Amino acid sequence: MVRTFDNADIVIPNSDLITGQVTNWTLVDRNVRVKVPVGVAYGSDIAKVLDILLTCADNNPMVLSQPQPRALFLAFGASSLDFELRAWIMEADNRLQVLSDLNQDIEAEFSLAGIEIPFPQNDLHLRSVDEGIMENILLTK
């Protein structure tokens, strides 16, 4: 039996423990890494984004200075440039609070710097439209 952070008990069959993988976040060390994925609009200043991510980590009192936080530009996404902030904290129980704090700080700093966090958008191109529908569209304008 394993008890989750939500106080739920999970029954794991012995065969799963023998043949499967078990992750224990606090067996030897309670230090854990927090990963904060962030997407920004194409055309954003990459160096500025990386600087803001590291500054937010450095300013958070629960983030450890060693190992140093890392900010990475990971990919060209469908709607965004994809980054990730990786930072170590001292206590596994604080993961969600630190993640929330970092997300709030990043959003505030991006807003001040004029860096947009995009959302997926699609353009719709119509090849042919029924004339009746087109008349209704023109009448509503």
N, C-alpha and C. Protein backbone atom coordinates (compact mmCIF):
# COMPACT_ATOMS: atom_id res chain seq x y z
N MET A 1 0.85 -1.18 0.00
CA MET A 1 0.00 0.00 0.00
C MET A 1 0.89 1.24 0.00
N VAL A 2 0.47 2.20 -0.79
CA VAL A 2 1.17 3.48 -0.86
C VAL A 2 0.14 4.57 -0.64
N ARG A 3 0.46 5.54 0.19
CA ARG A 3 -0.43 6.68 0.45
C ARG A 3 0.08 7.87 -0.34
N THR A 4 -0.82 8.50 -1.12
CA THR A 4 -0.46 9.65 -1.94
C THR A 4 -0.50 10.92 -1.11
N PHE A 5 -0.04 12.04 -1.70
CA PHE A 5 -0.09 13.33 -1.02
C PHE A 5 -1.53 13.77 -0.77
N ASP A 6 -2.48 13.21 -1.55
CA ASP A 6 -3.90 13.53 -1.36
C ASP A 6 -4.54 12.63 -0.32
N ASN A 7 -3.72 11.82 0.35
CA ASN A 7 -4.16 10.92 1.41
C ASN A 7 -4.99 9.75 0.87
N ALA A 8 -4.76 9.40 -0.41
CA ALA A 8 -5.42 8.23 -0.99
C ALA A 8 -4.48 7.04 -0.86
N ASP A 9 -5.04 5.88 -0.53
CA ASP A 9 -4.25 4.66 -0.43
C ASP A 9 -4.36 3.90 -1.75
N ILE A 10 -3.21 3.54 -2.30
CA ILE A 10 -3.17 2.78 -3.55
C ILE A 10 -2.58 1.41 -3.24
N VAL A 11 -3.28 0.37 -3.67
CA VAL A 11 -2.80 -0.99 -3.49
C VAL A 11 -2.01 -1.38 -4.73
N ILE A 12 -0.74 -1.70 -4.54
CA ILE A 12 0.13 -2.10 -5.65
C ILE A 12 0.45 -3.57 -5.48
N PRO A 13 0.07 -4.40 -6.47
CA PRO A 13 0.37 -5.84 -6.38
C PRO A 13 1.88 -6.08 -6.30
N ASN A 14 2.28 -7.10 -5.54
CA ASN A 14 3.70 -7.44 -5.40
C ASN A 14 4.37 -7.63 -6.75
N SER A 15 3.66 -8.23 -7.71
CA SER A 15 4.25 -8.48 -9.02
C SER A 15 4.64 -7.17 -9.71
N ASP A 16 3.85 -6.10 -9.52
CA ASP A 16 4.18 -4.79 -10.09
C ASP A 16 5.44 -4.21 -9.45
N LEU A 17 5.59 -4.43 -8.15
CA LEU A 17 6.78 -3.92 -7.46
C LEU A 17 8.04 -4.64 -7.92
N ILE A 18 7.90 -5.90 -8.26
CA ILE A 18 9.06 -6.69 -8.68
C ILE A 18 9.43 -6.41 -10.13
N THR A 19 8.42 -6.32 -11.00
CA THR A 19 8.70 -6.18 -12.43
C THR A 19 8.61 -4.75 -12.93
N GLY A 20 7.97 -3.87 -12.19
CA GLY A 20 7.77 -2.51 -12.67
C GLY A 20 8.73 -1.51 -12.06
N GLN A 21 8.53 -0.27 -12.42
CA GLN A 21 9.34 0.83 -11.90
C GLN A 21 8.58 1.53 -10.79
N VAL A 22 9.28 1.83 -9.71
CA VAL A 22 8.69 2.55 -8.59
C VAL A 22 9.48 3.85 -8.40
N THR A 23 8.78 4.96 -8.34
CA THR A 23 9.42 6.26 -8.13
C THR A 23 9.18 6.70 -6.71
N ASN A 24 10.26 6.92 -5.97
CA ASN A 24 10.17 7.43 -4.61
C ASN A 24 10.89 8.77 -4.59
N TRP A 25 10.12 9.85 -4.40
CA TRP A 25 10.67 11.19 -4.48
C TRP A 25 11.54 11.54 -3.27
N THR A 26 11.39 10.83 -2.19
CA THR A 26 12.06 11.26 -0.95
C THR A 26 12.81 10.14 -0.24
N LEU A 27 13.20 9.11 -0.94
CA LEU A 27 13.86 7.97 -0.30
C LEU A 27 15.19 8.37 0.35
N VAL A 28 16.05 9.02 -0.40
CA VAL A 28 17.37 9.38 0.10
C VAL A 28 17.50 10.88 0.37
N ASP A 29 16.84 11.68 -0.46
CA ASP A 29 17.04 13.13 -0.42
C ASP A 29 15.70 13.80 -0.71
N ARG A 30 15.34 14.81 0.06
CA ARG A 30 14.06 15.49 -0.16
C ARG A 30 14.17 16.62 -1.18
N ASN A 31 15.39 16.92 -1.66
CA ASN A 31 15.56 17.91 -2.72
C ASN A 31 14.95 17.36 -4.00
N VAL A 32 14.16 18.19 -4.69
CA VAL A 32 13.55 17.79 -5.96
C VAL A 32 13.68 18.93 -6.95
N ARG A 33 13.59 18.57 -8.23
CA ARG A 33 13.63 19.58 -9.28
C ARG A 33 12.22 19.92 -9.72
N VAL A 34 11.96 21.20 -9.88
CA VAL A 34 10.69 21.71 -10.38
C VAL A 34 10.91 22.13 -11.83
N LYS A 35 10.02 21.69 -12.72
CA LYS A 35 10.09 22.08 -14.12
C LYS A 35 8.90 22.97 -14.44
N VAL A 36 9.19 24.13 -15.04
CA VAL A 36 8.13 25.08 -15.40
C VAL A 36 8.16 25.29 -16.91
N PRO A 37 7.25 24.62 -17.65
CA PRO A 37 7.20 24.84 -19.09
C PRO A 37 6.51 26.17 -19.40
N VAL A 38 7.06 26.90 -20.38
CA VAL A 38 6.51 28.21 -20.74
C VAL A 38 6.58 28.37 -22.25
N GLY A 39 5.51 28.84 -22.86
CA GLY A 39 5.51 29.16 -24.28
C GLY A 39 5.34 30.66 -24.46
N VAL A 40 6.11 31.24 -25.39
CA VAL A 40 5.98 32.66 -25.70
C VAL A 40 5.73 32.83 -27.18
N ALA A 41 5.22 33.99 -27.55
CA ALA A 41 4.88 34.26 -28.94
C ALA A 41 6.13 34.28 -29.82
N TYR A 42 5.96 33.82 -31.05
CA TYR A 42 7.04 33.95 -32.03
C TYR A 42 7.40 35.42 -32.16
N GLY A 43 8.68 35.72 -32.31
CA GLY A 43 9.15 37.08 -32.40
C GLY A 43 9.59 37.66 -31.06
N SER A 44 9.38 36.91 -29.98
CA SER A 44 9.81 37.38 -28.65
C SER A 44 11.33 37.36 -28.58
N ASP A 45 11.88 38.21 -27.72
CA ASP A 45 13.32 38.30 -27.50
C ASP A 45 13.75 37.09 -26.66
N ILE A 46 14.42 36.13 -27.28
CA ILE A 46 14.78 34.88 -26.61
C ILE A 46 15.69 35.12 -25.42
N ALA A 47 16.67 35.98 -25.58
CA ALA A 47 17.60 36.27 -24.48
C ALA A 47 16.85 36.87 -23.30
N LYS A 48 15.89 37.75 -23.57
CA LYS A 48 15.10 38.38 -22.50
C LYS A 48 14.24 37.33 -21.78
N VAL A 49 13.65 36.41 -22.54
CA VAL A 49 12.83 35.35 -21.93
C VAL A 49 13.70 34.51 -20.99
N LEU A 50 14.86 34.10 -21.45
CA LEU A 50 15.76 33.29 -20.63
C LEU A 50 16.18 34.04 -19.37
N ASP A 51 16.46 35.33 -19.52
CA ASP A 51 16.86 36.16 -18.38
C ASP A 51 15.73 36.27 -17.36
N ILE A 52 14.51 36.49 -17.83
CA ILE A 52 13.36 36.61 -16.92
C ILE A 52 13.14 35.29 -16.16
N LEU A 53 13.23 34.17 -16.86
CA LEU A 53 13.03 32.88 -16.20
C LEU A 53 14.05 32.68 -15.08
N LEU A 54 15.31 32.97 -15.36
CA LEU A 54 16.35 32.80 -14.33
C LEU A 54 16.17 33.78 -13.19
N THR A 55 15.78 35.01 -13.49
CA THR A 55 15.56 36.01 -12.44
C THR A 55 14.43 35.59 -11.52
N CYS A 56 13.35 35.06 -12.10
CA CYS A 56 12.22 34.59 -11.27
C CYS A 56 12.67 33.46 -10.34
N ALA A 57 13.49 32.55 -10.84
CA ALA A 57 14.00 31.46 -10.00
C ALA A 57 14.90 32.01 -8.91
N ASP A 58 15.79 32.92 -9.27
CA ASP A 58 16.73 33.49 -8.30
C ASP A 58 16.02 34.27 -7.20
N ASN A 59 14.88 34.87 -7.53
CA ASN A 59 14.15 35.69 -6.55
C ASN A 59 13.21 34.88 -5.66
N ASN A 60 13.03 33.59 -5.97
CA ASN A 60 12.14 32.76 -5.16
C ASN A 60 12.94 32.18 -3.98
N PRO A 61 12.52 32.46 -2.74
CA PRO A 61 13.29 32.01 -1.58
C PRO A 61 13.35 30.50 -1.40
N MET A 62 12.45 29.76 -2.03
CA MET A 62 12.47 28.30 -1.88
C MET A 62 13.34 27.60 -2.92
N VAL A 63 13.79 28.35 -3.94
CA VAL A 63 14.64 27.77 -4.97
C VAL A 63 16.09 27.79 -4.49
N LEU A 64 16.74 26.64 -4.61
CA LEU A 64 18.14 26.52 -4.18
C LEU A 64 19.07 27.19 -5.19
N SER A 65 20.16 27.77 -4.69
CA SER A 65 21.14 28.37 -5.59
C SER A 65 22.10 27.32 -6.15
N GLN A 66 22.21 26.17 -5.46
CA GLN A 66 23.02 25.05 -5.93
C GLN A 66 22.22 23.77 -5.83
N PRO A 67 22.05 23.02 -6.88
CA PRO A 67 22.47 23.32 -8.24
C PRO A 67 21.72 24.55 -8.79
N GLN A 68 22.40 25.27 -9.66
CA GLN A 68 21.83 26.50 -10.21
C GLN A 68 20.60 26.22 -11.06
N PRO A 69 19.62 27.12 -11.01
CA PRO A 69 18.47 27.01 -11.92
C PRO A 69 18.95 27.11 -13.37
N ARG A 70 18.21 26.48 -14.25
CA ARG A 70 18.54 26.51 -15.68
C ARG A 70 17.31 26.94 -16.45
N ALA A 71 17.50 27.78 -17.44
CA ALA A 71 16.44 28.17 -18.37
C ALA A 71 16.85 27.68 -19.74
N LEU A 72 15.95 26.94 -20.40
CA LEU A 72 16.27 26.32 -21.67
C LEU A 72 15.24 26.67 -22.74
N PHE A 73 15.72 26.93 -23.95
CA PHE A 73 14.86 27.10 -25.11
C PHE A 73 14.77 25.73 -25.77
N LEU A 74 13.62 25.08 -25.67
CA LEU A 74 13.51 23.67 -26.05
C LEU A 74 13.02 23.41 -27.46
N ALA A 75 12.08 24.24 -27.97
CA ALA A 75 11.49 23.86 -29.25
C ALA A 75 10.74 25.02 -29.90
N PHE A 76 10.53 24.86 -31.21
CA PHE A 76 9.66 25.73 -31.96
C PHE A 76 8.30 25.03 -32.01
N GLY A 77 7.37 25.46 -31.17
CA GLY A 77 6.07 24.81 -31.09
C GLY A 77 5.13 25.26 -32.18
N ALA A 78 3.95 24.67 -32.22
CA ALA A 78 2.95 25.01 -33.23
C ALA A 78 2.48 26.46 -33.10
N SER A 79 2.36 26.94 -31.86
CA SER A 79 1.87 28.30 -31.63
C SER A 79 2.82 29.13 -30.79
N SER A 80 3.96 28.55 -30.40
CA SER A 80 4.82 29.27 -29.46
C SER A 80 6.27 28.80 -29.55
N LEU A 81 7.15 29.64 -29.01
CA LEU A 81 8.52 29.23 -28.75
C LEU A 81 8.48 28.59 -27.36
N ASP A 82 8.97 27.38 -27.23
CA ASP A 82 8.81 26.61 -25.99
C ASP A 82 10.08 26.62 -25.14
N PHE A 83 9.92 27.06 -23.90
CA PHE A 83 11.01 27.16 -22.93
C PHE A 83 10.67 26.30 -21.72
N GLU A 84 11.70 26.06 -20.91
CA GLU A 84 11.48 25.38 -19.63
C GLU A 84 12.46 25.92 -18.60
N LEU A 85 11.92 26.28 -17.44
CA LEU A 85 12.73 26.65 -16.29
C LEU A 85 12.85 25.42 -15.42
N ARG A 86 14.09 25.09 -15.02
CA ARG A 86 14.33 23.96 -14.14
C ARG A 86 15.04 24.48 -12.90
N ALA A 87 14.46 24.20 -11.75
CA ALA A 87 15.02 24.71 -10.50
C ALA A 87 14.88 23.65 -9.42
N TRP A 88 15.84 23.61 -8.52
CA TRP A 88 15.82 22.66 -7.41
C TRP A 88 15.31 23.35 -6.16
N ILE A 89 14.51 22.59 -5.41
CA ILE A 89 14.01 23.09 -4.13
C ILE A 89 14.37 22.09 -3.04
N MET A 90 14.33 22.55 -1.80
CA MET A 90 14.81 21.75 -0.69
C MET A 90 13.80 20.70 -0.22
N GLU A 91 12.52 20.94 -0.43
CA GLU A 91 11.49 20.09 0.17
C GLU A 91 10.46 19.67 -0.88
N ALA A 92 10.32 18.37 -1.10
CA ALA A 92 9.39 17.84 -2.09
C ALA A 92 7.96 18.30 -1.85
N ASP A 93 7.59 18.48 -0.59
CA ASP A 93 6.23 18.89 -0.27
C ASP A 93 5.89 20.29 -0.79
N ASN A 94 6.90 21.08 -1.13
CA ASN A 94 6.67 22.46 -1.60
C ASN A 94 6.62 22.58 -3.12
N ARG A 95 6.68 21.47 -3.84
CA ARG A 95 6.72 21.51 -5.31
C ARG A 95 5.58 22.32 -5.91
N LEU A 96 4.36 22.04 -5.52
CA LEU A 96 3.22 22.73 -6.14
C LEU A 96 3.19 24.21 -5.79
N GLN A 97 3.55 24.56 -4.56
CA GLN A 97 3.56 25.96 -4.17
C GLN A 97 4.62 26.74 -4.95
N VAL A 98 5.80 26.14 -5.08
CA VAL A 98 6.88 26.80 -5.84
C VAL A 98 6.48 26.93 -7.31
N LEU A 99 5.89 25.89 -7.87
CA LEU A 99 5.43 25.94 -9.26
C LEU A 99 4.42 27.06 -9.44
N SER A 100 3.46 27.17 -8.54
CA SER A 100 2.47 28.24 -8.60
C SER A 100 3.12 29.61 -8.48
N ASP A 101 4.03 29.77 -7.51
CA ASP A 101 4.71 31.05 -7.32
C ASP A 101 5.52 31.44 -8.55
N LEU A 102 6.25 30.49 -9.11
CA LEU A 102 7.06 30.78 -10.29
C LEU A 102 6.19 31.14 -11.49
N ASN A 103 5.08 30.42 -11.69
CA ASN A 103 4.17 30.75 -12.79
C ASN A 103 3.63 32.17 -12.65
N GLN A 104 3.25 32.54 -11.43
CA GLN A 104 2.73 33.90 -11.22
C GLN A 104 3.80 34.96 -11.48
N ASP A 105 5.00 34.72 -10.99
CA ASP A 105 6.09 35.68 -11.18
C ASP A 105 6.47 35.81 -12.65
N ILE A 106 6.53 34.68 -13.35
CA ILE A 106 6.87 34.68 -14.77
C ILE A 106 5.83 35.46 -15.56
N GLU A 107 4.56 35.20 -15.29
CA GLU A 107 3.50 35.91 -16.01
C GLU A 107 3.60 37.41 -15.78
N ALA A 108 3.83 37.82 -14.53
CA ALA A 108 3.93 39.24 -14.20
C ALA A 108 5.12 39.89 -14.90
N GLU A 109 6.27 39.21 -14.88
CA GLU A 109 7.47 39.76 -15.52
C GLU A 109 7.34 39.81 -17.03
N PHE A 110 6.74 38.79 -17.63
CA PHE A 110 6.50 38.82 -19.07
C PHE A 110 5.59 39.98 -19.44
N SER A 111 4.56 40.19 -18.64
CA SER A 111 3.63 41.29 -18.91
C SER A 111 4.36 42.63 -18.87
N LEU A 112 5.21 42.83 -17.86
CA LEU A 112 5.99 44.07 -17.76
C LEU A 112 6.94 44.25 -18.94
N ALA A 113 7.49 43.15 -19.45
CA ALA A 113 8.45 43.21 -20.55
C ALA A 113 7.78 43.18 -21.92
N GLY A 114 6.44 43.07 -21.94
CA GLY A 114 5.72 43.03 -23.21
C GLY A 114 5.89 41.71 -23.96
N ILE A 115 6.17 40.65 -23.22
CA ILE A 115 6.31 39.32 -23.83
C ILE A 115 4.97 38.60 -23.72
N GLU A 116 4.46 38.19 -24.85
CA GLU A 116 3.12 37.58 -24.92
C GLU A 116 3.19 36.06 -24.75
N ILE A 117 2.29 35.55 -23.93
CA ILE A 117 2.08 34.10 -23.83
C ILE A 117 0.92 33.78 -24.77
N PRO A 118 1.20 33.10 -25.89
CA PRO A 118 0.16 32.91 -26.91
C PRO A 118 -0.81 31.78 -26.57
N PHE A 119 -1.86 31.74 -27.31
CA PHE A 119 -2.80 30.63 -27.25
C PHE A 119 -3.01 30.14 -28.67
N PRO A 120 -3.34 28.86 -28.85
CA PRO A 120 -3.50 28.33 -30.22
C PRO A 120 -4.59 29.09 -30.98
N GLN A 121 -4.27 29.41 -32.23
CA GLN A 121 -5.22 30.09 -33.09
C GLN A 121 -5.21 29.41 -34.46
N ASN A 122 -6.35 29.42 -35.11
CA ASN A 122 -6.46 28.83 -36.44
C ASN A 122 -7.10 29.84 -37.39
N ASP A 123 -6.60 29.90 -38.62
CA ASP A 123 -7.21 30.71 -39.66
C ASP A 123 -8.11 29.80 -40.48
N LEU A 124 -9.26 30.30 -40.86
CA LEU A 124 -10.22 29.53 -41.64
C LEU A 124 -10.34 30.18 -43.01
N HIS A 125 -10.03 29.42 -44.05
CA HIS A 125 -10.15 29.92 -45.43
C HIS A 125 -11.26 29.13 -46.11
N LEU A 126 -12.27 29.85 -46.60
CA LEU A 126 -13.40 29.20 -47.27
C LEU A 126 -13.19 29.27 -48.78
N ARG A 127 -13.34 28.12 -49.44
CA ARG A 127 -13.19 28.09 -50.89
C ARG A 127 -14.50 28.45 -51.58
N SER A 128 -15.57 27.94 -51.04
CA SER A 128 -16.87 28.27 -51.64
C SER A 128 -17.90 28.35 -50.52
N VAL A 129 -18.81 29.30 -50.67
CA VAL A 129 -19.84 29.51 -49.67
C VAL A 129 -21.18 29.63 -50.39
N ASP A 130 -22.19 28.99 -49.86
CA ASP A 130 -23.54 29.08 -50.41
C ASP A 130 -23.95 30.55 -50.48
N GLU A 131 -24.55 30.96 -51.58
CA GLU A 131 -24.92 32.37 -51.76
C GLU A 131 -25.87 32.87 -50.68
N GLY A 132 -26.77 32.03 -50.21
CA GLY A 132 -27.70 32.43 -49.16
C GLY A 132 -26.98 32.77 -47.85
N ILE A 133 -26.00 31.98 -47.54
CA ILE A 133 -25.21 32.22 -46.33
C ILE A 133 -24.43 33.52 -46.48
N MET A 134 -23.84 33.71 -47.68
CA MET A 134 -23.04 34.92 -47.90
C MET A 134 -23.92 36.16 -47.80
N GLU A 135 -25.15 36.11 -48.29
CA GLU A 135 -26.07 37.25 -48.19
C GLU A 135 -26.37 37.56 -46.72
N ASN A 136 -26.61 36.52 -45.91
CA ASN A 136 -26.87 36.71 -44.49
C ASN A 136 -25.67 37.36 -43.78
N ILE A 137 -24.48 36.95 -44.14
CA ILE A 137 -23.28 37.52 -43.55
C ILE A 137 -23.18 38.99 -43.89
N LEU A 138 -23.40 39.33 -45.14
CA LEU A 138 -23.30 40.73 -45.57
C LEU A 138 -24.39 41.60 -44.95
N LEU A 139 -25.57 41.02 -44.73
CA LEU A 139 -26.67 41.77 -44.13
C LEU A 139 -26.42 42.07 -42.66
N THR A 140 -25.69 41.21 -41.98
CA THR A 140 -25.45 41.41 -40.53
C THR A 140 -24.32 42.41 -40.27
N LYS A 141 -23.62 42.82 -41.29
CA LYS A 141 -22.51 43.76 -41.08
C LYS A 141 -22.98 45.17 -41.04
